[in-house]
Amino acid sequence: MDIMTTLKRIITGPEVQPIPNLGRNDTCWCGSGKKYKGCHLETDARKRAAMRSSGPQQGPMTRGF
């Protein structure tokens, strides 16, 4: 990793991984072979709810002016 990539990650913070939109009976995205509803559905639903309730995200170096 070069210095510019490292500095960019320090300034902008960690990358947010998108939550996949799958049907309940689809195979889970994690590769376990289980159905999505029995594996990660509840966890992903909690993440979506937390993202909705927290509002827009501000980076660590921004000010609320």
N, C-alpha and C. Protein backbone atom coordinates (compact mmCIF):
# COMPACT_ATOMS: atom_id res chain seq x y z
N MET A 1 0.85 -1.18 0.00
CA MET A 1 0.00 0.00 0.00
C MET A 1 0.90 1.24 0.00
N ASP A 2 0.59 2.17 -0.85
CA ASP A 2 1.40 3.38 -0.92
C ASP A 2 0.93 4.41 0.10
N ILE A 3 1.69 5.45 0.28
CA ILE A 3 1.43 6.48 1.28
C ILE A 3 0.13 7.24 1.03
N MET A 4 -0.19 7.50 -0.24
CA MET A 4 -1.41 8.25 -0.56
C MET A 4 -2.66 7.44 -0.19
N THR A 5 -2.64 6.15 -0.47
CA THR A 5 -3.78 5.30 -0.11
C THR A 5 -3.95 5.24 1.40
N THR A 6 -2.84 5.13 2.11
CA THR A 6 -2.89 5.09 3.58
C THR A 6 -3.46 6.39 4.14
N LEU A 7 -3.00 7.52 3.65
CA LEU A 7 -3.50 8.81 4.12
C LEU A 7 -4.98 8.98 3.81
N LYS A 8 -5.41 8.54 2.63
CA LYS A 8 -6.81 8.64 2.26
C LYS A 8 -7.68 7.83 3.22
N ARG A 9 -7.24 6.63 3.58
CA ARG A 9 -8.00 5.81 4.51
C ARG A 9 -8.05 6.42 5.90
N ILE A 10 -6.97 7.06 6.32
CA ILE A 10 -6.96 7.70 7.63
C ILE A 10 -7.93 8.88 7.66
N ILE A 11 -7.96 9.67 6.61
CA ILE A 11 -8.81 10.86 6.57
C ILE A 11 -10.28 10.50 6.39
N THR A 12 -10.59 9.61 5.46
CA THR A 12 -11.99 9.32 5.15
C THR A 12 -12.60 8.26 6.05
N GLY A 13 -11.81 7.49 6.75
CA GLY A 13 -12.34 6.45 7.61
C GLY A 13 -12.54 5.15 6.86
N PRO A 14 -13.05 4.14 7.53
CA PRO A 14 -13.20 2.83 6.89
C PRO A 14 -14.28 2.85 5.81
N GLU A 15 -14.12 1.99 4.83
CA GLU A 15 -15.11 1.87 3.77
C GLU A 15 -16.34 1.13 4.31
N VAL A 16 -17.51 1.60 3.94
CA VAL A 16 -18.75 0.96 4.35
C VAL A 16 -19.14 -0.05 3.29
N GLN A 17 -19.29 -1.29 3.69
CA GLN A 17 -19.68 -2.33 2.76
C GLN A 17 -21.20 -2.27 2.55
N PRO A 18 -21.66 -2.31 1.31
CA PRO A 18 -23.10 -2.29 1.07
C PRO A 18 -23.76 -3.57 1.54
N ILE A 19 -24.98 -3.44 2.04
CA ILE A 19 -25.75 -4.61 2.48
C ILE A 19 -26.50 -5.13 1.27
N PRO A 20 -26.32 -6.41 0.93
CA PRO A 20 -26.97 -6.94 -0.27
C PRO A 20 -28.49 -7.04 -0.12
N ASN A 21 -29.21 -6.86 -1.21
CA ASN A 21 -30.66 -7.01 -1.22
C ASN A 21 -30.99 -8.38 -1.80
N LEU A 22 -31.29 -9.32 -0.95
CA LEU A 22 -31.60 -10.68 -1.36
C LEU A 22 -33.01 -11.04 -0.92
N GLY A 23 -33.61 -12.00 -1.60
CA GLY A 23 -34.88 -12.54 -1.16
C GLY A 23 -34.67 -13.48 0.01
N ARG A 24 -35.70 -13.69 0.81
CA ARG A 24 -35.59 -14.54 1.99
C ARG A 24 -35.10 -15.95 1.68
N ASN A 25 -35.51 -16.51 0.55
CA ASN A 25 -35.17 -17.88 0.23
C ASN A 25 -33.96 -18.03 -0.68
N ASP A 26 -33.27 -16.92 -0.96
CA ASP A 26 -32.04 -16.99 -1.74
C ASP A 26 -30.92 -17.55 -0.87
N THR A 27 -29.88 -18.05 -1.51
CA THR A 27 -28.71 -18.50 -0.78
C THR A 27 -28.00 -17.29 -0.19
N CYS A 28 -27.52 -17.43 1.04
CA CYS A 28 -26.91 -16.31 1.74
C CYS A 28 -25.64 -15.83 1.04
N TRP A 29 -25.37 -14.55 1.15
CA TRP A 29 -24.22 -13.93 0.51
C TRP A 29 -22.89 -14.35 1.14
N CYS A 30 -22.90 -14.88 2.36
CA CYS A 30 -21.66 -15.21 3.05
C CYS A 30 -21.02 -16.50 2.57
N GLY A 31 -21.77 -17.29 1.79
CA GLY A 31 -21.21 -18.52 1.25
C GLY A 31 -21.42 -19.74 2.14
N SER A 32 -22.25 -19.64 3.16
CA SER A 32 -22.47 -20.76 4.06
C SER A 32 -23.31 -21.86 3.43
N GLY A 33 -24.06 -21.53 2.38
CA GLY A 33 -24.94 -22.50 1.75
C GLY A 33 -26.34 -22.51 2.37
N LYS A 34 -26.54 -21.75 3.44
CA LYS A 34 -27.85 -21.67 4.08
C LYS A 34 -28.71 -20.66 3.34
N LYS A 35 -30.01 -20.73 3.61
CA LYS A 35 -30.90 -19.70 3.08
C LYS A 35 -30.65 -18.40 3.83
N TYR A 36 -30.85 -17.29 3.14
CA TYR A 36 -30.60 -15.97 3.70
C TYR A 36 -31.42 -15.73 4.97
N LYS A 37 -32.66 -16.21 5.00
CA LYS A 37 -33.53 -15.96 6.15
C LYS A 37 -33.04 -16.67 7.41
N GLY A 38 -32.27 -17.72 7.25
CA GLY A 38 -31.77 -18.46 8.41
C GLY A 38 -30.34 -18.12 8.77
N CYS A 39 -29.73 -17.21 8.02
CA CYS A 39 -28.31 -16.92 8.24
C CYS A 39 -28.09 -15.45 8.62
N HIS A 40 -28.22 -14.52 7.69
CA HIS A 40 -27.88 -13.12 7.93
C HIS A 40 -29.04 -12.15 7.79
N LEU A 41 -30.25 -12.60 7.59
CA LEU A 41 -31.38 -11.69 7.39
C LEU A 41 -31.57 -10.75 8.57
N GLU A 42 -31.59 -11.29 9.78
CA GLU A 42 -31.82 -10.45 10.96
C GLU A 42 -30.68 -9.46 11.19
N THR A 43 -29.45 -9.91 11.02
CA THR A 43 -28.30 -9.04 11.20
C THR A 43 -28.32 -7.88 10.22
N ASP A 44 -28.60 -8.19 8.94
CA ASP A 44 -28.65 -7.15 7.92
C ASP A 44 -29.81 -6.20 8.16
N ALA A 45 -30.93 -6.70 8.66
CA ALA A 45 -32.08 -5.84 8.95
C ALA A 45 -31.74 -4.85 10.07
N ARG A 46 -31.00 -5.31 11.08
CA ARG A 46 -30.58 -4.41 12.16
C ARG A 46 -29.62 -3.35 11.64
N LYS A 47 -28.71 -3.73 10.73
CA LYS A 47 -27.77 -2.77 10.16
C LYS A 47 -28.51 -1.71 9.35
N ARG A 48 -29.51 -2.14 8.56
CA ARG A 48 -30.29 -1.18 7.77
C ARG A 48 -31.05 -0.21 8.67
N ALA A 49 -31.63 -0.73 9.75
CA ALA A 49 -32.38 0.12 10.68
C ALA A 49 -31.46 1.12 11.36
N ALA A 50 -30.26 0.70 11.73
CA ALA A 50 -29.30 1.60 12.36
C ALA A 50 -28.85 2.68 11.39
N MET A 51 -28.66 2.32 10.12
CA MET A 51 -28.25 3.30 9.12
C MET A 51 -29.35 4.32 8.89
N ARG A 52 -30.62 3.88 8.89
CA ARG A 52 -31.73 4.81 8.69
C ARG A 52 -31.87 5.76 9.87
N SER A 53 -31.70 5.26 11.09
CA SER A 53 -31.92 6.09 12.27
C SER A 53 -30.76 7.04 12.54
N SER A 54 -29.56 6.71 12.07
CA SER A 54 -28.42 7.56 12.35
C SER A 54 -28.35 8.78 11.44
N GLY A 55 -29.07 8.76 10.34
CA GLY A 55 -29.08 9.90 9.43
C GLY A 55 -27.83 9.94 8.58
N PRO A 56 -27.59 11.07 7.95
CA PRO A 56 -26.41 11.17 7.09
C PRO A 56 -25.13 11.10 7.89
N GLN A 57 -24.17 10.38 7.35
CA GLN A 57 -22.88 10.20 8.01
C GLN A 57 -21.95 11.34 7.63
N GLN A 58 -21.23 11.87 8.62
CA GLN A 58 -20.22 12.88 8.36
C GLN A 58 -18.86 12.25 8.59
N GLY A 59 -17.90 12.64 7.77
CA GLY A 59 -16.55 12.13 7.92
C GLY A 59 -15.91 12.68 9.19
N PRO A 60 -14.79 12.12 9.60
CA PRO A 60 -14.16 12.55 10.85
C PRO A 60 -13.56 13.95 10.77
N MET A 61 -13.29 14.45 9.58
CA MET A 61 -12.62 15.75 9.43
C MET A 61 -13.58 16.86 9.01
N THR A 62 -14.88 16.64 9.04
CA THR A 62 -15.82 17.67 8.60
C THR A 62 -16.38 18.42 9.80
N ARG A 63 -16.82 19.61 9.54
CA ARG A 63 -17.44 20.43 10.57
C ARG A 63 -18.89 20.70 10.20
N GLY A 64 -19.73 20.90 11.17
CA GLY A 64 -21.15 21.10 10.91
C GLY A 64 -21.53 22.55 10.70
N PHE A 65 -20.78 23.30 9.90
CA PHE A 65 -21.11 24.70 9.64
C PHE A 65 -22.18 24.79 8.62
